[in-house]
Amino acid sequence: MSQLDQWLASIGLSQYSAVFADNDIDFEILDELTEADLNELGLSLGHRKKLIKAVKALHRESSDTDVDDDATVCSASSAQALPEKRFLSLVFCDLADSTRIAAALDMEDAHALNRAFQEACTQAIHGQRGYVARYMGDGILAYFGYPRAHENDAEQAVNAGLGIIRNVTGLGPRFPLPDGLGLAVRVGIASGPVVVETIGDIDARENAVVGEAPNLAARLQGLAVPNSVLVGEDTFKLVQDAFEFENLGSRQIKGYTEPIATWQVMAERSPEERYRSRSDRHLTTMVGRREELGLLKSRWEHSTAGAGQVVLLSAEAGMGKTRLVDALLVETAGNCRRVRLFCSANHIQSPLYPVFNLLQREAEQLGDDAGDTPRERLRHLMATRYGYPESLLPAVLSLVYMETDEGDSVPANPGEVMRILQQRLVETLLKQSRNQPALVVLEDAHW
């Protein structure tokens, strides 16, 4: 699959790959295509608008190197010419039982399934700011940390692995298979230093990596059971607070003289669980923060006297902001209602994610009489504690869980639902604070 094919897949227009190839369209002339040209090629109005918008965005990314936007696809013009040492997290995924599946389908259906598989994996990888380095039939190799590095590349690699499993299993209804066969994928992830080098000519350019990590990722993929993500020790150390793992022990892997420690990813942790995990392992003694803690306590005393306060605690990563907040929470224990909101780099497209996460946590703490499922408990919470109208509860549930129950009718104006939701949350907090002071902490507000 060419880089142009990858880019078309990333914007959801992979169906036009063959049309572009038949008409000798490549990246060099992509931004010269007019809407009339695209209409002649057979693109619908919506797809023409979508492609033109994506071409403009691609042009901005390649021409403005100072912009801090995250390019999900590396165009041909941005390939690195010289070898470059990087620390990457590499994801290797492969369709399970692909040989048997191909034998059970006719050639056209097998081809359609393979393309759908590649698009499902690519969507999950690009959604976590990864780079698809190579398509190998029913296997895919992706880099996290190249061409652009981020502080949480390893975490995004694992999230991409989990997303790949969700996307691929979701293809099942589209591709019914004979009894005994099902769509499943194996994912292996390894992290470590590598050398990245661009090889090949302009028509077959490839960013190859040399190092132990890509080999280990491929080996871990081979050890993984269907629909599971297996990680090596270096990746585990980087993301152990962000996910639940099952320790599979050390495994003897071909090509390695010593057994390799392996972990299977079970689930992503909530921000609160991540915080507790970090605190359990890294909680330190307070040193040299008397002045800052005194200021926080002073602001709190003003609040308890009836004059609400807002404090912005800002510093570089690792300077002890959360540790200082922990000390304040100890000082105020038992004297207030606490509301702790956690922002997340993985949910920057959902501005109210900290609130939705809070609602889910509050619903989990309700008694058995509130319902058996998370949705039932949340519905009970919103109706009783927050006084939300029954007619709008399906809309709130759809915003929190990003899906609706069959039979629920959701209002056509989600913006109005958002407004009412925020209003009710603020009103509830103010009402509660009349009887007891409230301490609201918003963690990682920069996200």
Protein backbone atom coordinates (compact mmCIF):
# COMPACT_ATOMS: atom_id res chain seq x y z
CA MET A 1 0.00 0.00 0.00
CA SER A 2 1.49 3.36 -1.07
CA GLN A 3 1.72 6.42 1.16
CA LEU A 4 -1.13 7.99 -0.82
CA ASP A 5 -3.25 4.91 -0.12
CA GLN A 6 -2.38 5.21 3.60
CA TRP A 7 -3.36 8.88 3.61
CA LEU A 8 -6.68 8.21 1.84
CA ALA A 9 -7.43 5.47 4.38
CA SER A 10 -6.63 7.86 7.25
CA ILE A 11 -9.31 10.32 6.07
CA GLY A 12 -11.87 7.60 5.33
CA LEU A 13 -11.64 7.76 1.51
CA SER A 14 -9.73 4.55 0.77
CA GLN A 15 -12.37 3.56 -1.80
CA TYR A 16 -10.77 6.04 -4.22
CA SER A 17 -7.26 4.56 -4.09
CA ALA A 18 -7.74 2.61 -7.31
CA VAL A 19 -9.25 5.65 -9.08
CA PHE A 20 -6.26 7.81 -8.13
CA ALA A 21 -3.83 5.08 -9.22
CA ASP A 22 -5.60 4.59 -12.57
CA ASN A 23 -5.32 8.34 -13.22
CA ASP A 24 -1.65 8.62 -12.12
CA ILE A 25 -2.47 10.93 -9.21
CA ASP A 26 0.20 11.14 -6.50
CA PHE A 27 1.22 13.53 -3.71
CA GLU A 28 3.04 15.77 -6.20
CA ILE A 29 -0.18 16.89 -7.92
CA LEU A 30 -2.64 16.27 -5.10
CA ASP A 31 -3.01 19.95 -4.15
CA GLU A 32 -3.58 20.90 -7.82
CA LEU A 33 -6.82 18.94 -8.08
CA THR A 34 -9.88 21.15 -8.42
CA GLU A 35 -13.41 20.31 -7.40
CA ALA A 36 -14.24 19.83 -11.08
CA ASP A 37 -11.40 17.30 -11.37
CA LEU A 38 -12.68 15.39 -8.36
CA ASN A 39 -16.22 15.43 -9.75
CA GLU A 40 -14.91 13.97 -13.00
CA LEU A 41 -13.18 11.22 -11.00
CA GLY A 42 -16.53 10.26 -9.50
CA LEU A 43 -16.26 11.69 -5.97
CA SER A 44 -19.54 12.72 -4.34
CA LEU A 45 -20.04 16.31 -3.18
CA GLY A 46 -19.37 15.45 0.44
CA HIS A 47 -16.25 13.46 -0.40
CA ARG A 48 -14.95 16.25 -2.65
CA LYS A 49 -15.27 18.75 0.20
CA LYS A 50 -13.70 16.33 2.65
CA LEU A 51 -10.69 15.63 0.43
CA ILE A 52 -10.05 19.29 -0.39
CA LYS A 53 -10.16 20.14 3.33
CA ALA A 54 -7.73 17.30 4.11
CA VAL A 55 -5.33 18.41 1.35
CA LYS A 56 -5.24 21.93 2.81
CA ALA A 57 -4.51 20.51 6.26
CA LEU A 58 -1.74 18.31 4.83
CA HIS A 59 -0.21 21.31 3.08
CA ARG A 60 -0.21 23.33 6.34
CA GLU A 61 1.50 20.48 8.21
CA SER A 62 4.28 20.11 5.64
CA SER A 63 4.90 23.87 5.20
CA ASP A 64 4.82 25.01 8.85
CA THR A 65 7.29 23.00 10.89
CA ASP A 66 6.76 25.22 13.96
CA VAL A 67 3.11 24.24 14.34
CA ASP A 68 2.60 21.83 17.25
CA ASP A 69 -0.23 19.94 15.56
CA ASP A 70 0.08 16.17 15.43
CA ALA A 71 0.40 14.83 11.90
CA THR A 72 -1.03 11.35 11.69
CA VAL A 73 0.41 10.63 8.27
CA CYS A 74 3.89 11.47 7.04
CA SER A 75 3.77 12.72 3.44
CA ALA A 76 6.47 11.82 0.95
CA SER A 77 8.06 15.23 1.24
CA SER A 78 8.55 14.90 5.02
CA ALA A 79 10.53 11.65 4.96
CA GLN A 80 13.87 11.73 6.75
CA ALA A 81 16.93 11.43 4.52
CA LEU A 82 19.51 10.62 7.20
CA PRO A 83 19.54 7.87 9.84
CA GLU A 84 18.11 9.11 13.14
CA LYS A 85 18.24 7.58 16.60
CA ARG A 86 14.85 7.56 18.36
CA PHE A 87 13.12 5.92 21.30
CA LEU A 88 9.98 4.32 19.86
CA SER A 89 7.13 2.12 20.90
CA LEU A 90 6.38 -0.29 18.08
CA VAL A 91 3.05 -2.03 17.51
CA PHE A 92 2.89 -5.22 15.46
CA CYS A 93 -0.56 -6.65 14.76
CA ASP A 94 -1.68 -9.63 12.73
CA LEU A 95 -5.04 -11.13 11.78
CA ALA A 96 -5.48 -14.46 13.59
CA ASP A 97 -6.23 -17.57 11.50
CA SER A 98 -5.78 -15.53 8.33
CA THR A 99 -4.79 -18.55 6.23
CA ARG A 100 -7.91 -20.50 7.19
CA ILE A 101 -10.10 -17.43 6.70
CA ALA A 102 -8.66 -16.80 3.23
CA ALA A 103 -9.27 -20.45 2.30
CA ALA A 104 -12.90 -20.21 3.44
CA LEU A 105 -13.68 -17.12 1.31
CA ASP A 106 -13.57 -16.46 -2.41
CA MET A 107 -10.84 -14.17 -3.67
CA GLU A 108 -12.93 -11.00 -3.84
CA ASP A 109 -14.37 -11.42 -0.36
CA ALA A 110 -10.92 -12.19 1.06
CA HIS A 111 -9.55 -9.03 -0.57
CA ALA A 112 -12.42 -6.92 0.80
CA LEU A 113 -11.87 -8.35 4.28
CA ASN A 114 -8.14 -7.63 4.14
CA ARG A 115 -8.74 -4.03 3.10
CA ALA A 116 -11.32 -3.58 5.85
CA PHE A 117 -8.87 -5.08 8.35
CA GLN A 118 -6.12 -2.67 7.28
CA GLU A 119 -8.46 0.32 7.46
CA ALA A 120 -9.72 -0.71 10.92
CA CYS A 121 -6.16 -1.00 12.23
CA THR A 122 -5.04 2.22 10.53
CA GLN A 123 -7.93 4.14 12.06
CA ALA A 124 -6.99 2.96 15.56
CA ILE A 125 -3.30 3.77 15.01
CA HIS A 126 -3.87 7.23 13.57
CA GLY A 127 -6.43 7.95 16.30
CA GLN A 128 -3.60 7.62 18.84
CA ARG A 129 -1.13 9.70 16.77
CA GLY A 130 0.77 6.70 15.50
CA TYR A 131 2.46 6.20 12.12
CA VAL A 132 1.77 3.17 9.94
CA ALA A 133 5.23 2.13 8.75
CA ARG A 134 4.44 -1.02 6.81
CA TYR A 135 1.57 -3.16 5.57
CA MET A 136 2.50 -6.83 5.26
CA GLY A 137 -0.56 -8.62 3.93
CA ASP A 138 -2.57 -9.33 7.06
CA GLY A 139 0.05 -7.72 9.32
CA ILE A 140 0.82 -4.10 10.17
CA LEU A 141 3.82 -2.43 11.80
CA ALA A 142 3.29 1.00 13.41
CA TYR A 143 5.61 3.48 15.12
CA PHE A 144 4.77 5.67 18.11
CA GLY A 145 7.36 8.40 18.62
CA TYR A 146 8.04 8.92 14.92
CA PRO A 147 7.92 11.14 12.93
CA ARG A 148 6.81 13.27 15.91
CA ALA A 149 7.55 12.31 19.51
CA HIS A 150 5.07 12.78 22.38
CA GLU A 151 5.46 12.36 26.11
CA ASN A 152 3.00 9.45 26.23
CA ASP A 153 3.87 7.51 23.07
CA ALA A 154 3.99 4.15 24.87
CA GLU A 155 0.57 4.75 26.41
CA GLN A 156 -0.89 5.70 23.05
CA ALA A 157 0.64 2.58 21.51
CA VAL A 158 -1.18 0.39 24.04
CA ASN A 159 -4.42 2.30 23.52
CA ALA A 160 -4.00 1.79 19.78
CA GLY A 161 -3.59 -1.95 20.39
CA LEU A 162 -6.84 -2.06 22.35
CA GLY A 163 -8.51 0.04 19.66
CA ILE A 164 -7.33 -2.34 16.95
CA ILE A 165 -9.02 -5.23 18.76
CA ARG A 166 -12.28 -3.27 19.10
CA ASN A 167 -12.27 -2.19 15.46
CA VAL A 168 -11.40 -5.59 14.02
CA THR A 169 -13.94 -7.52 16.10
CA GLY A 170 -16.50 -4.91 15.07
CA LEU A 171 -16.07 -6.02 11.45
CA GLY A 172 -17.70 -9.37 12.26
CA PRO A 173 -21.24 -8.50 11.10
CA ARG A 174 -19.90 -7.29 7.73
CA PHE A 175 -17.94 -10.47 7.06
CA PRO A 176 -19.82 -13.59 8.22
CA LEU A 177 -17.47 -16.57 8.40
CA PRO A 178 -18.10 -20.33 8.52
CA ASP A 179 -18.59 -21.98 11.90
CA GLY A 180 -15.38 -22.30 13.84
CA LEU A 181 -13.86 -19.12 12.40
CA GLY A 182 -14.06 -15.58 13.72
CA LEU A 183 -12.33 -12.27 13.26
CA ALA A 184 -9.62 -11.77 15.86
CA VAL A 185 -6.27 -10.01 16.01
CA ARG A 186 -3.03 -10.45 17.94
CA VAL A 187 -1.02 -7.40 19.02
CA GLY A 188 2.56 -7.20 20.29
CA ILE A 189 4.17 -4.00 21.61
CA ALA A 190 7.80 -3.30 22.47
CA SER A 191 9.66 -0.09 23.30
CA GLY A 192 13.30 0.87 23.04
CA PRO A 193 15.99 2.80 21.17
CA VAL A 194 16.12 2.29 17.40
CA VAL A 195 17.70 3.88 14.36
CA VAL A 196 15.17 5.11 11.78
CA GLU A 197 16.31 5.40 8.19
CA THR A 198 14.49 6.16 4.95
CA ILE A 199 15.23 3.56 2.29
CA GLY A 200 14.02 2.97 -1.26
CA ASP A 201 13.36 5.33 -4.17
CA ILE A 202 10.66 7.97 -4.29
CA ASP A 203 8.05 5.50 -5.59
CA ALA A 204 8.75 2.87 -2.93
CA ARG A 205 10.02 4.84 0.04
CA GLU A 206 9.96 3.20 3.45
CA ASN A 207 11.02 4.27 6.93
CA ALA A 208 12.89 1.24 8.26
CA VAL A 209 14.01 0.79 11.86
CA VAL A 210 16.98 -1.12 13.24
CA GLY A 211 17.05 -2.25 16.85
CA GLU A 212 15.78 -4.90 19.23
CA ALA A 213 12.29 -3.42 19.73
CA PRO A 214 10.79 -4.22 16.28
CA ASN A 215 11.93 -7.84 16.50
CA LEU A 216 10.55 -8.18 20.02
CA ALA A 217 7.20 -6.64 19.00
CA ALA A 218 6.86 -9.22 16.23
CA ARG A 219 7.76 -12.08 18.60
CA LEU A 220 5.28 -10.86 21.24
CA GLN A 221 2.57 -10.72 18.61
CA GLY A 222 3.24 -14.34 17.82
CA LEU A 223 2.88 -15.29 21.50
CA ALA A 224 -0.34 -13.35 22.08
CA VAL A 225 -3.64 -15.19 22.19
CA PRO A 226 -6.34 -13.94 19.78
CA ASN A 227 -7.79 -10.54 20.71
CA SER A 228 -5.08 -9.69 23.23
CA VAL A 229 -2.25 -7.18 23.57
CA LEU A 230 1.12 -8.44 24.82
CA VAL A 231 3.86 -6.01 25.92
CA GLY A 232 7.50 -6.34 26.87
CA GLU A 233 9.20 -5.12 30.04
CA ASP A 234 10.30 -1.71 28.75
CA THR A 235 6.75 -0.89 27.62
CA PHE A 236 5.28 -2.21 30.88
CA LYS A 237 7.51 0.08 32.96
CA LEU A 238 6.34 3.09 30.96
CA VAL A 239 2.60 2.40 31.20
CA GLN A 240 2.08 0.28 34.33
CA ASP A 241 0.07 3.03 36.02
CA ALA A 242 -2.20 3.56 33.01
CA PHE A 243 -3.45 0.00 32.47
CA GLU A 244 -4.40 -3.19 34.28
CA PHE A 245 -2.05 -6.07 33.44
CA GLU A 246 -1.77 -9.79 33.92
CA ASN A 247 1.82 -10.88 34.49
CA LEU A 248 2.42 -13.86 32.20
CA GLY A 249 5.90 -14.43 33.57
CA SER A 250 9.09 -14.88 31.57
CA ARG A 251 8.81 -16.67 28.24
CA GLN A 252 11.52 -18.21 26.13
CA ILE A 253 11.45 -16.40 22.81
CA LYS A 254 13.22 -17.47 19.65
CA GLY A 255 16.38 -15.44 19.08
CA TYR A 256 16.83 -14.49 22.75
CA THR A 257 19.24 -16.32 25.04
CA GLU A 258 17.42 -15.24 28.22
CA PRO A 259 13.66 -15.54 28.92
CA ILE A 260 11.69 -12.35 28.22
CA ALA A 261 9.21 -10.94 30.78
CA THR A 262 5.74 -10.48 29.28
CA TRP A 263 2.49 -8.83 30.37
CA GLN A 264 -0.98 -8.99 28.86
CA VAL A 265 -3.01 -5.75 28.84
CA MET A 266 -6.37 -6.30 30.50
CA ALA A 267 -7.97 -2.82 30.51
CA GLU A 268 -7.26 0.90 30.61
CA ARG A 269 -7.37 2.44 34.08
CA SER A 270 -9.44 5.48 34.91
CA PRO A 271 -7.56 8.71 35.75
CA GLU A 272 -8.38 8.20 39.44
CA GLU A 273 -6.99 4.66 39.37
CA ARG A 274 -3.85 5.91 37.65
CA TYR A 275 -3.40 8.52 40.32
CA ARG A 276 -3.78 5.96 43.10
CA SER A 277 -1.31 3.63 41.41
CA ARG A 278 1.31 6.38 41.09
CA SER A 279 0.71 7.52 44.67
CA ASP A 280 1.08 4.01 46.07
CA ARG A 281 4.47 3.63 44.44
CA HIS A 282 5.85 7.17 44.42
CA LEU A 283 4.40 9.06 47.40
CA THR A 284 7.23 11.09 48.91
CA THR A 285 7.76 13.14 52.05
CA MET A 286 6.92 16.83 51.75
CA VAL A 287 10.15 18.87 51.66
CA GLY A 288 10.51 22.63 51.21
CA ARG A 289 6.88 23.40 50.39
CA ARG A 290 5.87 25.13 53.63
CA GLU A 291 5.16 28.48 51.96
CA GLU A 292 3.08 26.99 49.13
CA LEU A 293 1.11 24.74 51.49
CA GLY A 294 0.54 27.71 53.82
CA LEU A 295 -0.92 29.70 50.92
CA LEU A 296 -3.29 26.88 50.01
CA LYS A 297 -4.43 26.51 53.61
CA SER A 298 -4.98 30.26 53.84
CA ARG A 299 -7.17 30.23 50.70
CA TRP A 300 -9.10 27.31 52.14
CA GLU A 301 -9.75 29.19 55.38
CA HIS A 302 -11.15 32.11 53.36
CA SER A 303 -13.46 29.68 51.58
CA THR A 304 -14.76 28.12 54.78
CA ALA A 305 -15.52 31.65 55.99
CA GLY A 306 -17.81 32.16 53.01
CA ALA A 307 -15.48 33.80 50.47
CA GLY A 308 -14.93 31.30 47.67
CA GLN A 309 -11.41 31.06 46.28
CA VAL A 310 -9.73 29.84 43.10
CA VAL A 311 -6.06 28.81 43.07
CA LEU A 312 -4.04 27.94 39.97
CA LEU A 313 -1.15 25.62 40.86
CA SER A 314 1.28 25.70 37.94
CA ALA A 315 4.74 24.20 37.49
CA GLU A 316 6.78 21.97 35.21
CA ALA A 317 6.09 18.24 35.23
CA GLY A 318 7.61 16.44 38.21
CA MET A 319 7.79 19.49 40.48
CA GLY A 320 5.26 18.08 42.97
CA LYS A 321 1.93 19.73 42.15
CA THR A 322 -0.12 16.62 42.90
CA ARG A 323 1.91 15.95 46.04
CA LEU A 324 1.08 19.45 47.28
CA VAL A 325 -2.63 18.88 46.59
CA ASP A 326 -2.41 15.59 48.52
CA ALA A 327 -1.07 17.49 51.52
CA LEU A 328 -3.98 19.94 51.33
CA LEU A 329 -6.45 17.06 51.18
CA VAL A 330 -4.90 15.62 54.32
CA GLU A 331 -5.25 18.99 56.06
CA THR A 332 -8.94 19.27 55.11
CA ALA A 333 -9.91 15.64 55.72
CA GLY A 334 -13.42 15.30 57.14
CA ASN A 335 -14.21 19.01 56.89
CA CYS A 336 -15.50 19.31 53.35
CA ARG A 337 -17.10 17.72 50.33
CA ARG A 338 -14.38 16.74 47.88
CA VAL A 339 -14.81 16.74 44.14
CA ARG A 340 -11.77 15.53 42.22
CA LEU A 341 -11.79 15.87 38.45
CA PHE A 342 -9.14 14.27 36.25
CA CYS A 343 -8.28 15.51 32.78
CA SER A 344 -6.58 13.14 30.34
CA ALA A 345 -4.41 13.45 27.25
CA ASN A 346 -6.44 10.63 25.71
CA HIS A 347 -9.69 12.58 25.91
CA ILE A 348 -8.75 16.05 24.68
CA GLN A 349 -11.62 15.91 22.16
CA SER A 350 -14.16 15.61 24.99
CA PRO A 351 -14.10 18.83 27.05
CA LEU A 352 -16.50 17.44 29.66
CA TYR A 353 -14.66 14.14 30.06
CA PRO A 354 -13.59 15.00 33.67
CA VAL A 355 -17.27 15.54 34.57
CA PHE A 356 -18.44 12.38 32.82
CA ASN A 357 -15.72 10.41 34.60
CA LEU A 358 -16.85 11.89 37.93
CA LEU A 359 -20.45 10.85 37.24
CA GLN A 360 -19.37 7.32 36.42
CA ARG A 361 -17.36 7.09 39.65
CA GLU A 362 -20.25 8.45 41.71
CA ALA A 363 -22.63 5.97 40.07
CA GLU A 364 -20.30 3.06 40.90
CA GLN A 365 -20.50 3.97 44.61
CA LEU A 366 -24.31 3.72 44.76
CA GLY A 367 -25.98 0.80 46.54
CA ASP A 368 -27.40 -2.26 44.83
CA ASP A 369 -30.88 -0.75 44.78
CA ALA A 370 -29.68 1.78 42.18
CA GLY A 371 -29.42 -0.90 39.48
CA ASP A 372 -27.30 -3.76 38.23
CA THR A 373 -25.53 -2.14 35.26
CA PRO A 374 -23.39 1.03 35.06
CA ARG A 375 -26.02 2.69 32.85
CA GLU A 376 -28.82 1.93 35.32
CA ARG A 377 -26.77 3.30 38.20
CA LEU A 378 -25.92 6.47 36.30
CA ARG A 379 -29.56 6.96 35.32
CA HIS A 380 -30.51 6.65 39.01
CA LEU A 381 -27.78 9.10 40.05
CA MET A 382 -28.82 11.75 37.51
CA ALA A 383 -32.51 11.45 38.40
CA THR A 384 -32.07 11.56 42.19
CA ARG A 385 -28.95 13.52 43.08
CA TYR A 386 -28.98 15.94 40.14
CA GLY A 387 -32.73 16.12 39.47
CA TYR A 388 -32.40 15.62 35.75
CA PRO A 389 -35.68 15.36 33.76
CA GLU A 390 -36.49 11.79 32.76
CA SER A 391 -36.94 12.88 29.14
CA LEU A 392 -33.31 14.00 28.90
CA LEU A 393 -31.66 11.09 30.71
CA PRO A 394 -31.02 9.13 27.46
CA ALA A 395 -29.13 12.13 26.10
CA VAL A 396 -26.92 12.34 29.19
CA LEU A 397 -26.21 8.63 28.99
CA SER A 398 -25.31 8.93 25.31
CA LEU A 399 -22.86 11.75 26.08
CA VAL A 400 -21.20 9.81 28.88
CA TYR A 401 -21.00 6.43 27.16
CA MET A 402 -20.94 7.66 23.53
CA GLU A 403 -23.71 5.20 22.65
CA THR A 404 -27.45 4.80 23.16
CA ASP A 405 -29.64 1.96 24.33
CA GLU A 406 -32.08 0.53 21.82
CA GLY A 407 -35.39 2.32 22.17
CA ASP A 408 -33.94 5.50 23.71
CA SER A 409 -34.79 8.70 21.84
CA VAL A 410 -32.05 11.31 22.03
CA PRO A 411 -32.86 15.02 21.52
CA ALA A 412 -31.54 16.44 18.26
CA ASN A 413 -29.70 19.32 19.98
CA PRO A 414 -26.79 17.91 22.03
CA GLY A 415 -25.54 21.45 22.70
CA GLU A 416 -28.69 22.22 24.68
CA VAL A 417 -28.30 18.98 26.61
CA MET A 418 -24.71 19.96 27.43
CA ARG A 419 -25.85 23.35 28.67
CA ILE A 420 -28.52 21.87 30.93
CA LEU A 421 -26.10 19.23 32.21
CA GLN A 422 -23.51 21.83 33.19
CA GLN A 423 -26.18 24.01 34.81
CA ARG A 424 -27.49 21.13 36.93
CA LEU A 425 -24.00 20.07 38.01
CA VAL A 426 -23.12 23.59 39.14
CA GLU A 427 -26.44 24.01 40.93
CA THR A 428 -25.94 20.72 42.76
CA LEU A 429 -22.44 21.65 43.89
CA LEU A 430 -23.58 25.07 45.10
CA LYS A 431 -26.49 23.52 46.97
CA GLN A 432 -24.23 21.02 48.69
CA SER A 433 -21.68 23.71 49.61
CA ARG A 434 -24.32 25.62 51.62
CA ASN A 435 -24.21 22.90 54.27
CA GLN A 436 -20.55 21.95 53.96
CA PRO A 437 -17.53 23.61 52.27
CA ALA A 438 -16.55 22.07 48.94
CA LEU A 439 -13.02 21.51 47.69
CA VAL A 440 -12.90 20.99 43.93
CA VAL A 441 -9.60 19.81 42.43
CA LEU A 442 -9.06 19.76 38.66
CA GLU A 443 -5.98 17.65 37.87
CA ASP A 444 -3.93 18.13 34.69
CA ALA A 445 -5.99 21.08 33.52
CA HIS A 446 -3.57 21.69 30.60
CA TRP A 447 -5.26 18.79 28.78
